[in-house]
C-alpha atoms as a PDB file:
ATOM      1  CA  MET A   1     189.213 163.581 113.804  1.00  0.00           C
ATOM      2  CA  LYS A   2     187.872 160.263 115.087  1.00  0.00           C
ATOM      3  CA  VAL A   3     189.528 156.915 114.451  1.00  0.00           C
ATOM      4  CA  LEU A   4     188.367 153.355 114.942  1.00  0.00           C
ATOM      5  CA  VAL A   5     190.561 151.525 117.459  1.00  0.00           C
ATOM      6  CA  ARG A   6     190.392 147.733 117.852  1.00  0.00           C
ATOM      7  CA  ASP A   7     191.810 145.920 120.861  1.00  0.00           C
ATOM      8  CA  LYS A   8     193.713 142.911 119.493  1.00  0.00           C
ATOM      9  CA  ARG A   9     193.090 140.817 122.606  1.00  0.00           C
ATOM     10  CA  THR A  10     189.316 141.242 122.817  1.00  0.00           C
ATOM     11  CA  ASN A  11     188.486 142.402 119.263  1.00  0.00           C
ATOM     12  CA  LYS A  12     186.352 145.194 120.775  1.00  0.00           C
ATOM     13  CA  GLU A  13     186.223 148.373 118.712  1.00  0.00           C
ATOM     14  CA  LYS A  14     185.778 151.990 119.810  1.00  0.00           C
ATOM     15  CA  TRP A  15     185.656 155.327 118.018  1.00  0.00           C
ATOM     16  CA  LEU A  16     188.132 157.687 119.712  1.00  0.00           C
ATOM     17  CA  PRO A  17     189.504 161.150 119.017  1.00  0.00           C
ATOM     18  CA  LEU A  18     192.917 161.002 117.352  1.00  0.00           C
ATOM     19  CA  GLU A  19     194.711 162.284 120.457  1.00  0.00           C
ATOM     20  CA  LYS A  20     193.145 159.622 122.719  1.00  0.00           C
ATOM     21  CA  ALA A  21     193.940 156.869 120.220  1.00  0.00           C
ATOM     22  CA  ALA A  22     197.556 158.023 120.015  1.00  0.00           C
ATOM     23  CA  GLU A  23     197.802 158.091 123.812  1.00  0.00           C
ATOM     24  CA  LEU A  24     196.345 154.574 124.053  1.00  0.00           C
ATOM     25  CA  MET A  25     198.845 153.319 121.474  1.00  0.00           C
ATOM     26  CA  ARG A  26     201.732 155.199 123.153  1.00  0.00           C
ATOM     27  CA  LEU A  27     202.434 157.278 120.042  1.00  0.00           C
ATOM     28  CA  ALA A  28     202.513 160.952 119.198  1.00  0.00           C
ATOM     29  CA  ALA A  29     199.417 162.121 117.339  1.00  0.00           C
ATOM     30  CA  GLU A  30     201.657 163.163 114.424  1.00  0.00           C
ATOM     31  CA  GLU A  31     202.990 159.602 114.114  1.00  0.00           C
ATOM     32  CA  LEU A  32     199.466 158.232 113.993  1.00  0.00           C
ATOM     33  CA  GLU A  33     198.449 160.755 111.327  1.00  0.00           C
ATOM     34  CA  TRP A  34     201.537 159.878 109.279  1.00  0.00           C
ATOM     35  CA  ALA A  35     200.721 156.153 109.435  1.00  0.00           C
ATOM     36  CA  PHE A  36     197.169 156.899 108.250  1.00  0.00           C
ATOM     37  CA  GLU A  37     198.473 158.912 105.311  1.00  0.00           C
ATOM     38  CA  GLU A  38     200.935 156.186 104.336  1.00  0.00           C
ATOM     39  CA  PHE A  39     199.009 152.982 105.142  1.00  0.00           C
ATOM     40  CA  GLY A  40     195.439 153.873 106.152  1.00  0.00           C
ATOM     41  CA  GLN A  41     195.982 152.242 109.534  1.00  0.00           C
ATOM     42  CA  CYS A  42     198.433 151.972 112.401  1.00  0.00           C
ATOM     43  CA  GLU A  43     199.229 148.914 114.477  1.00  0.00           C
ATOM     44  CA  CYS A  44     200.953 148.520 117.815  1.00  0.00           C
ATOM     45  CA  GLU A  45     201.341 145.577 120.162  1.00  0.00           C
ATOM     46  CA  ASP A  46     197.800 145.663 121.594  1.00  0.00           C
ATOM     47  CA  HIS A  47     195.745 147.841 119.220  1.00  0.00           C
ATOM     48  CA  VAL A  48     194.990 148.629 115.598  1.00  0.00           C
ATOM     49  CA  ALA A  49     193.724 152.066 114.597  1.00  0.00           C
ATOM     50  CA  VAL A  50     192.004 152.654 111.264  1.00  0.00           C
ATOM     51  CA  ASP A  51     191.457 156.048 109.649  1.00  0.00           C
ATOM     52  CA  GLN A  52     187.758 156.867 109.233  1.00  0.00           C
ATOM     53  CA  LYS A  53     188.290 157.388 105.475  1.00  0.00           C
ATOM     54  CA  TRP A  54     188.804 153.621 104.974  1.00  0.00           C
END
């Protein structure tokens, strides 16, 4: 699964595999998947990840 990750500081966006996005956001992949199921996105201090379904 690929997710769109946006850097809040630079507004640059990248498509990353779920595991890489979770690592970048310092989360477990399961936590990221849960946030997508509940909210369609996940936000941390420096990044926002959006599920590809949105």
